[in-house]
Amino acid sequence: MVSNEIHKAYFARVKGDFRKCPGISKDTNELIVSNMIYCVSNIDAFWECADKEDLKFEYKTKAKESITRFKFKFYDEESN
């Protein structure tokens, strides 16, 4: 059976232990974030998120609304 659905998975290295964020599901270790996202550096592949009212002036026209679902896989306490 062929499905027309496409799923993508990205692995990201994040600073800090996001499992401590408010709103994370204790059952699934999943966090859903609704925020504005914008590219700080294409060369370094560095992106940031901010609430709409907290966006820096230079990113107000470039930022896009984003809903991201994070699921915890591994945390290295030593390197944070």
PDB file of N, CA and C in Angstrom:
ATOM      1  N   MET A   1       0.839  -1.178   0.000  1.00  0.00           N
ATOM      2  CA  MET A   1       0.000   0.000   0.000  1.00  0.00           C
ATOM      3  C   MET A   1       0.887   1.246   0.000  1.00  0.00           C
ATOM      4  N   VAL A   2       0.607   2.185  -0.881  1.00  0.00           N
ATOM      5  CA  VAL A   2       1.401   3.412  -1.019  1.00  0.00           C
ATOM      6  C   VAL A   2       0.690   4.549  -0.294  1.00  0.00           C
ATOM      7  N   SER A   3       1.469   5.311   0.468  1.00  0.00           N
ATOM      8  CA  SER A   3       0.922   6.451   1.201  1.00  0.00           C
ATOM      9  C   SER A   3       1.436   7.750   0.589  1.00  0.00           C
ATOM     10  N   ASN A   4       0.612   8.769   0.597  1.00  0.00           N
ATOM     11  CA  ASN A   4       1.014  10.071   0.070  1.00  0.00           C
ATOM     12  C   ASN A   4       1.562  10.991   1.160  1.00  0.00           C
ATOM     13  N   GLU A   5       1.821  10.465   2.336  1.00  0.00           N
ATOM     14  CA  GLU A   5       2.321  11.276   3.427  1.00  0.00           C
ATOM     15  C   GLU A   5       3.845  11.275   3.448  1.00  0.00           C
ATOM     16  N   ILE A   6       4.402  12.415   3.810  1.00  0.00           N
ATOM     17  CA  ILE A   6       5.845  12.552   3.948  1.00  0.00           C
ATOM     18  C   ILE A   6       6.137  12.985   5.375  1.00  0.00           C
ATOM     19  N   HIS A   7       7.083  12.330   5.991  1.00  0.00           N
ATOM     20  CA  HIS A   7       7.502  12.681   7.343  1.00  0.00           C
ATOM     21  C   HIS A   7       8.994  12.948   7.319  1.00  0.00           C
ATOM     22  N   LYS A   8       9.413  13.980   8.015  1.00  0.00           N
ATOM     23  CA  LYS A   8      10.833  14.297   8.125  1.00  0.00           C
ATOM     24  C   LYS A   8      11.217  14.319   9.592  1.00  0.00           C
ATOM     25  N   ALA A   9      12.412  13.881   9.858  1.00  0.00           N
ATOM     26  CA  ALA A   9      12.941  13.937  11.218  1.00  0.00           C
ATOM     27  C   ALA A   9      14.289  14.636  11.162  1.00  0.00           C
ATOM     28  N   TYR A  10      14.480  15.582  12.037  1.00  0.00           N
ATOM     29  CA  TYR A  10      15.739  16.302  12.133  1.00  0.00           C
ATOM     30  C   TYR A  10      16.295  16.102  13.535  1.00  0.00           C
ATOM     31  N   PHE A  11      17.580  15.920  13.614  1.00  0.00           N
ATOM     32  CA  PHE A  11      18.233  15.834  14.911  1.00  0.00           C
ATOM     33  C   PHE A  11      18.987  17.134  15.121  1.00  0.00           C
ATOM     34  N   ALA A  12      18.821  17.717  16.292  1.00  0.00           N
ATOM     35  CA  ALA A  12      19.463  18.990  16.592  1.00  0.00           C
ATOM     36  C   ALA A  12      20.174  18.908  17.931  1.00  0.00           C
ATOM     37  N   ARG A  13      21.270  19.571  17.997  1.00  0.00           N
ATOM     38  CA  ARG A  13      21.970  19.693  19.270  1.00  0.00           C
ATOM     39  C   ARG A  13      21.491  20.991  19.903  1.00  0.00           C
ATOM     40  N   VAL A  14      20.977  20.882  21.111  1.00  0.00           N
ATOM     41  CA  VAL A  14      20.390  22.028  21.786  1.00  0.00           C
ATOM     42  C   VAL A  14      21.151  22.319  23.068  1.00  0.00           C
ATOM     43  N   LYS A  15      21.271  23.587  23.398  1.00  0.00           N
ATOM     44  CA  LYS A  15      21.953  23.962  24.634  1.00  0.00           C
ATOM     45  C   LYS A  15      20.979  23.854  25.802  1.00  0.00           C
ATOM     46  N   GLY A  16      21.367  23.117  26.810  1.00  0.00           N
ATOM     47  CA  GLY A  16      20.521  22.948  27.987  1.00  0.00           C
ATOM     48  C   GLY A  16      19.643  21.706  27.877  1.00  0.00           C
ATOM     49  N   ASP A  17      18.977  21.396  28.969  1.00  0.00           N
ATOM     50  CA  ASP A  17      18.093  20.234  29.029  1.00  0.00           C
ATOM     51  C   ASP A  17      16.657  20.722  28.873  1.00  0.00           C
ATOM     52  N   PHE A  18      16.106  20.638  27.668  1.00  0.00           N
ATOM     53  CA  PHE A  18      14.782  21.204  27.425  1.00  0.00           C
ATOM     54  C   PHE A  18      13.667  20.425  28.110  1.00  0.00           C
ATOM     55  N   ARG A  19      13.995  19.278  28.699  1.00  0.00           N
ATOM     56  CA  ARG A  19      12.974  18.535  29.442  1.00  0.00           C
ATOM     57  C   ARG A  19      12.519  19.303  30.682  1.00  0.00           C
ATOM     58  N   LYS A  20      13.278  20.328  31.063  1.00  0.00           N
ATOM     59  CA  LYS A  20      12.913  21.155  32.215  1.00  0.00           C
ATOM     60  C   LYS A  20      11.981  22.303  31.824  1.00  0.00           C
ATOM     61  N   CYS A  21      11.686  22.445  30.539  1.00  0.00           N
ATOM     62  CA  CYS A  21      10.811  23.524  30.069  1.00  0.00           C
ATOM     63  C   CYS A  21       9.377  23.284  30.525  1.00  0.00           C
ATOM     64  N   PRO A  22       8.659  24.371  30.845  1.00  0.00           N
ATOM     65  CA  PRO A  22       7.235  24.190  31.162  1.00  0.00           C
ATOM     66  C   PRO A  22       6.491  23.729  29.907  1.00  0.00           C
ATOM     67  N   GLY A  23       5.538  22.868  30.069  1.00  0.00           N
ATOM     68  CA  GLY A  23       4.737  22.414  28.935  1.00  0.00           C
ATOM     69  C   GLY A  23       5.183  21.097  28.336  1.00  0.00           C
ATOM     70  N   ILE A  24       6.277  20.530  28.823  1.00  0.00           N
ATOM     71  CA  ILE A  24       6.722  19.258  28.257  1.00  0.00           C
ATOM     72  C   ILE A  24       5.874  18.120  28.828  1.00  0.00           C
ATOM     73  N   SER A  25       5.514  17.198  27.965  1.00  0.00           N
ATOM     74  CA  SER A  25       4.725  16.048  28.386  1.00  0.00           C
ATOM     75  C   SER A  25       5.623  15.069  29.141  1.00  0.00           C
ATOM     76  N   LYS A  26       5.265  14.762  30.345  1.00  0.00           N
ATOM     77  CA  LYS A  26       6.057  13.818  31.151  1.00  0.00           C
ATOM     78  C   LYS A  26       5.904  12.385  30.636  1.00  0.00           C
ATOM     79  N   ASP A  27       4.809  12.117  29.926  1.00  0.00           N
ATOM     80  CA  ASP A  27       4.571  10.763  29.406  1.00  0.00           C
ATOM     81  C   ASP A  27       5.399  10.470  28.164  1.00  0.00           C
ATOM     82  N   THR A  28       5.502  11.447  27.260  1.00  0.00           N
ATOM     83  CA  THR A  28       6.155  11.196  25.973  1.00  0.00           C
ATOM     84  C   THR A  28       7.488  11.915  25.818  1.00  0.00           C
ATOM     85  N   ASN A  29       7.893  12.734  26.811  1.00  0.00           N
ATOM     86  CA  ASN A  29       9.087  13.574  26.686  1.00  0.00           C
ATOM     87  C   ASN A  29       9.028  14.438  25.437  1.00  0.00           C
ATOM     88  N   GLU A  30       7.845  14.937  25.138  1.00  0.00           N
ATOM     89  CA  GLU A  30       7.633  15.745  23.940  1.00  0.00           C
ATOM     90  C   GLU A  30       7.245  17.162  24.337  1.00  0.00           C
ATOM     91  N   LEU A  31       7.788  18.123  23.621  1.00  0.00           N
ATOM     92  CA  LEU A  31       7.502  19.533  23.854  1.00  0.00           C
ATOM     93  C   LEU A  31       7.074  20.154  22.545  1.00  0.00           C
ATOM     94  N   ILE A  32       5.972  20.878  22.560  1.00  0.00           N
ATOM     95  CA  ILE A  32       5.496  21.572  21.366  1.00  0.00           C
ATOM     96  C   ILE A  32       5.680  23.060  21.602  1.00  0.00           C
ATOM     97  N   VAL A  33       6.427  23.709  20.706  1.00  0.00           N
ATOM     98  CA  VAL A  33       6.739  25.125  20.843  1.00  0.00           C
ATOM     99  C   VAL A  33       6.130  25.882  19.666  1.00  0.00           C
ATOM    100  N   SER A  34       5.386  26.921  19.982  1.00  0.00           N
ATOM    101  CA  SER A  34       4.837  27.808  18.967  1.00  0.00           C
ATOM    102  C   SER A  34       5.519  29.152  19.139  1.00  0.00           C
ATOM    103  N   ASN A  35       6.332  29.533  18.169  1.00  0.00           N
ATOM    104  CA  ASN A  35       7.159  30.722  18.285  1.00  0.00           C
ATOM    105  C   ASN A  35       7.472  31.293  16.917  1.00  0.00           C
ATOM    106  N   MET A  36       8.136  32.418  16.901  1.00  0.00           N
ATOM    107  CA  MET A  36       8.665  32.980  15.667  1.00  0.00           C
ATOM    108  C   MET A  36      10.085  32.449  15.512  1.00  0.00           C
ATOM    109  N   ILE A  37      10.459  32.070  14.296  1.00  0.00           N
ATOM    110  CA  ILE A  37      11.799  31.539  14.045  1.00  0.00           C
ATOM    111  C   ILE A  37      12.456  32.385  12.960  1.00  0.00           C
ATOM    112  N   TYR A  38      13.770  32.602  13.108  1.00  0.00           N
ATOM    113  CA  TYR A  38      14.490  33.406  12.122  1.00  0.00           C
ATOM    114  C   TYR A  38      15.948  32.972  12.064  1.00  0.00           C
ATOM    115  N   CYS A  39      16.540  33.173  10.901  1.00  0.00           N
ATOM    116  CA  CYS A  39      17.924  32.773  10.671  1.00  0.00           C
ATOM    117  C   CYS A  39      18.860  33.905  11.093  1.00  0.00           C
ATOM    118  N   VAL A  40      19.787  33.589  11.972  1.00  0.00           N
ATOM    119  CA  VAL A  40      20.782  34.554  12.423  1.00  0.00           C
ATOM    120  C   VAL A  40      22.002  34.493  11.499  1.00  0.00           C
ATOM    121  N   SER A  41      22.390  33.272  11.083  1.00  0.00           N
ATOM    122  CA  SER A  41      23.553  33.107  10.215  1.00  0.00           C
ATOM    123  C   SER A  41      23.371  31.903   9.300  1.00  0.00           C
ATOM    124  N   ASN A  42      23.308  32.161   7.996  1.00  0.00           N
ATOM    125  CA  ASN A  42      23.248  31.062   7.025  1.00  0.00           C
ATOM    126  C   ASN A  42      24.563  30.287   6.989  1.00  0.00           C
ATOM    127  N   ILE A  43      25.655  30.975   7.167  1.00  0.00           N
ATOM    128  CA  ILE A  43      26.967  30.337   7.117  1.00  0.00           C
ATOM    129  C   ILE A  43      27.131  29.328   8.249  1.00  0.00           C
ATOM    130  N   ASP A  44      26.716  29.712   9.450  1.00  0.00           N
ATOM    131  CA  ASP A  44      26.857  28.834  10.612  1.00  0.00           C
ATOM    132  C   ASP A  44      25.623  27.968  10.854  1.00  0.00           C
ATOM    133  N   ALA A  45      24.606  28.112  10.014  1.00  0.00           N
ATOM    134  CA  ALA A  45      23.337  27.389  10.181  1.00  0.00           C
ATOM    135  C   ALA A  45      22.793  27.603  11.591  1.00  0.00           C
ATOM    136  N   PHE A  46      22.728  28.870  11.994  1.00  0.00           N
ATOM    137  CA  PHE A  46      22.299  29.241  13.340  1.00  0.00           C
ATOM    138  C   PHE A  46      20.954  29.943  13.295  1.00  0.00           C
ATOM    139  N   TRP A  47      19.978  29.374  13.971  1.00  0.00           N
ATOM    140  CA  TRP A  47      18.621  29.918  14.016  1.00  0.00           C
ATOM    141  C   TRP A  47      18.245  30.237  15.446  1.00  0.00           C
ATOM    142  N   GLU A  48      17.347  31.182  15.617  1.00  0.00           N
ATOM    143  CA  GLU A  48      16.840  31.526  16.942  1.00  0.00           C
ATOM    144  C   GLU A  48      15.323  31.589  16.899  1.00  0.00           C
ATOM    145  N   CYS A  49      14.729  31.447  18.079  1.00  0.00           N
ATOM    146  CA  CYS A  49      13.288  31.573  18.245  1.00  0.00           C
ATOM    147  C   CYS A  49      13.015  32.672  19.261  1.00  0.00           C
ATOM    148  N   ALA A  50      11.873  33.317  19.109  1.00  0.00           N
ATOM    149  CA  ALA A  50      11.470  34.341  20.082  1.00  0.00           C
ATOM    150  C   ALA A  50       9.963  34.513  20.005  1.00  0.00           C
ATOM    151  N   ASP A  51       9.390  35.002  21.087  1.00  0.00           N
ATOM    152  CA  ASP A  51       7.987  35.392  21.056  1.00  0.00           C
ATOM    153  C   ASP A  51       7.853  36.602  20.143  1.00  0.00           C
ATOM    154  N   LYS A  52       6.695  36.773  19.536  1.00  0.00           N
ATOM    155  CA  LYS A  52       6.479  37.850  18.578  1.00  0.00           C
ATOM    156  C   LYS A  52       6.853  39.221  19.152  1.00  0.00           C
ATOM    157  N   GLU A  53       6.460  39.467  20.399  1.00  0.00           N
ATOM    158  CA  GLU A  53       6.736  40.777  21.008  1.00  0.00           C
ATOM    159  C   GLU A  53       8.197  40.950  21.423  1.00  0.00           C
ATOM    160  N   ASP A  54       8.976  39.867  21.455  1.00  0.00           N
ATOM    161  CA  ASP A  54      10.381  39.946  21.866  1.00  0.00           C
ATOM    162  C   ASP A  54      11.362  39.910  20.700  1.00  0.00           C
ATOM    163  N   LEU A  55      10.857  39.925  19.457  1.00  0.00           N
ATOM    164  CA  LEU A  55      11.739  39.861  18.289  1.00  0.00           C
ATOM    165  C   LEU A  55      12.633  41.088  18.210  1.00  0.00           C
ATOM    166  N   LYS A  56      13.890  40.860  17.864  1.00  0.00           N
ATOM    167  CA  LYS A  56      14.806  41.969  17.623  1.00  0.00           C
ATOM    168  C   LYS A  56      14.347  42.697  16.354  1.00  0.00           C
ATOM    169  N   PHE A  57      14.535  44.009  16.314  1.00  0.00           N
ATOM    170  CA  PHE A  57      14.036  44.830  15.208  1.00  0.00           C
ATOM    171  C   PHE A  57      14.493  44.315  13.841  1.00  0.00           C
ATOM    172  N   GLU A  58      15.773  43.937  13.725  1.00  0.00           N
ATOM    173  CA  GLU A  58      16.316  43.534  12.424  1.00  0.00           C
ATOM    174  C   GLU A  58      15.737  42.222  11.891  1.00  0.00           C
ATOM    175  N   TYR A  59      15.015  41.458  12.747  1.00  0.00           N
ATOM    176  CA  TYR A  59      14.446  40.185  12.307  1.00  0.00           C
ATOM    177  C   TYR A  59      12.921  40.224  12.170  1.00  0.00           C
ATOM    178  N   LYS A  60      12.305  41.357  12.478  1.00  0.00           N
ATOM    179  CA  LYS A  60      10.843  41.438  12.468  1.00  0.00           C
ATOM    180  C   LYS A  60      10.236  41.101  11.106  1.00  0.00           C
ATOM    181  N   THR A  61      10.882  41.482  10.013  1.00  0.00           N
ATOM    182  CA  THR A  61      10.334  41.211   8.682  1.00  0.00           C
ATOM    183  C   THR A  61      10.725  39.827   8.157  1.00  0.00           C
ATOM    184  N   LYS A  62      11.744  39.211   8.754  1.00  0.00           N
ATOM    185  CA  LYS A  62      12.233  37.922   8.271  1.00  0.00           C
ATOM    186  C   LYS A  62      11.659  36.729   9.046  1.00  0.00           C
ATOM    187  N   ALA A  63      11.221  36.973  10.259  1.00  0.00           N
ATOM    188  CA  ALA A  63      10.758  35.877  11.124  1.00  0.00           C
ATOM    189  C   ALA A  63       9.451  35.288  10.611  1.00  0.00           C
ATOM    190  N   LYS A  64       9.306  33.988  10.813  1.00  0.00           N
ATOM    191  CA  LYS A  64       8.096  33.278  10.396  1.00  0.00           C
ATOM    192  C   LYS A  64       7.528  32.515  11.579  1.00  0.00           C
ATOM    193  N   GLU A  65       6.213  32.386  11.594  1.00  0.00           N
ATOM    194  CA  GLU A  65       5.584  31.599  12.646  1.00  0.00           C
ATOM    195  C   GLU A  65       5.950  30.131  12.459  1.00  0.00           C
ATOM    196  N   SER A  66       6.186  29.472  13.574  1.00  0.00           N
ATOM    197  CA  SER A  66       6.623  28.088  13.509  1.00  0.00           C
ATOM    198  C   SER A  66       6.051  27.296  14.676  1.00  0.00           C
ATOM    199  N   ILE A  67       5.608  26.113  14.385  1.00  0.00           N
ATOM    200  CA  ILE A  67       5.208  25.166  15.425  1.00  0.00           C
ATOM    201  C   ILE A  67       6.152  23.982  15.296  1.00  0.00           C
ATOM    202  N   THR A  68       6.882  23.732  16.367  1.00  0.00           N
ATOM    203  CA  THR A  68       7.891  22.681  16.342  1.00  0.00           C
ATOM    204  C   THR A  68       7.616  21.683  17.451  1.00  0.00           C
ATOM    205  N   ARG A  69       7.723  20.426  17.107  1.00  0.00           N
ATOM    206  CA  ARG A  69       7.526  19.343  18.072  1.00  0.00           C
ATOM    207  C   ARG A  69       8.892  18.716  18.344  1.00  0.00           C
ATOM    208  N   PHE A  70       9.339  18.829  19.593  1.00  0.00           N
ATOM    209  CA  PHE A  70      10.608  18.256  20.020  1.00  0.00           C
ATOM    210  C   PHE A  70      10.337  16.980  20.795  1.00  0.00           C
ATOM    211  N   LYS A  71      11.154  15.980  20.569  1.00  0.00           N
ATOM    212  CA  LYS A  71      11.067  14.759  21.358  1.00  0.00           C
ATOM    213  C   LYS A  71      12.468  14.424  21.850  1.00  0.00           C
ATOM    214  N   PHE A  72      12.589  14.272  23.152  1.00  0.00           N
ATOM    215  CA  PHE A  72      13.882  14.008  23.773  1.00  0.00           C
ATOM    216  C   PHE A  72      14.453  12.669  23.326  1.00  0.00           C
ATOM    217  N   LYS A  73      15.728  12.671  22.947  1.00  0.00           N
ATOM    218  CA  LYS A  73      16.428  11.438  22.585  1.00  0.00           C
ATOM    219  C   LYS A  73      17.595  11.165  23.522  1.00  0.00           C
ATOM    220  N   PHE A  74      18.426  12.188  23.760  1.00  0.00           N
ATOM    221  CA  PHE A  74      19.638  11.983  24.554  1.00  0.00           C
ATOM    222  C   PHE A  74      20.103  13.316  25.121  1.00  0.00           C
ATOM    223  N   TYR A  75      20.586  13.307  26.347  1.00  0.00           N
ATOM    224  CA  TYR A  75      21.149  14.507  26.968  1.00  0.00           C
ATOM    225  C   TYR A  75      22.518  14.181  27.533  1.00  0.00           C
ATOM    226  N   ASP A  76      23.530  14.937  27.106  1.00  0.00           N
ATOM    227  CA  ASP A  76      24.887  14.766  27.611  1.00  0.00           C
ATOM    228  C   ASP A  76      25.147  15.846  28.657  1.00  0.00           C
ATOM    229  N   GLU A  77      25.005  15.479  29.906  1.00  0.00           N
ATOM    230  CA  GLU A  77      25.130  16.442  31.002  1.00  0.00           C
ATOM    231  C   GLU A  77      26.510  17.107  31.034  1.00  0.00           C
ATOM    232  N   GLU A  78      27.533  16.378  30.624  1.00  0.00           N
ATOM    233  CA  GLU A  78      28.893  16.896  30.679  1.00  0.00           C
ATOM    234  C   GLU A  78      29.097  18.096  29.729  1.00  0.00           C
ATOM    235  N   SER A  79      28.573  18.013  28.520  1.00  0.00           N
ATOM    236  CA  SER A  79      28.761  19.104  27.555  1.00  0.00           C
ATOM    237  C   SER A  79      27.586  20.091  27.542  1.00  0.00           C
ATOM    238  N   ASN A  80      26.470  19.706  28.209  1.00  0.00           N
ATOM    239  CA  ASN A  80      25.278  20.539  28.295  1.00  0.00           C
ATOM    240  C   ASN A  80      24.825  20.957  26.921  1.00  0.00           C
TER     241      ASN A  80
END
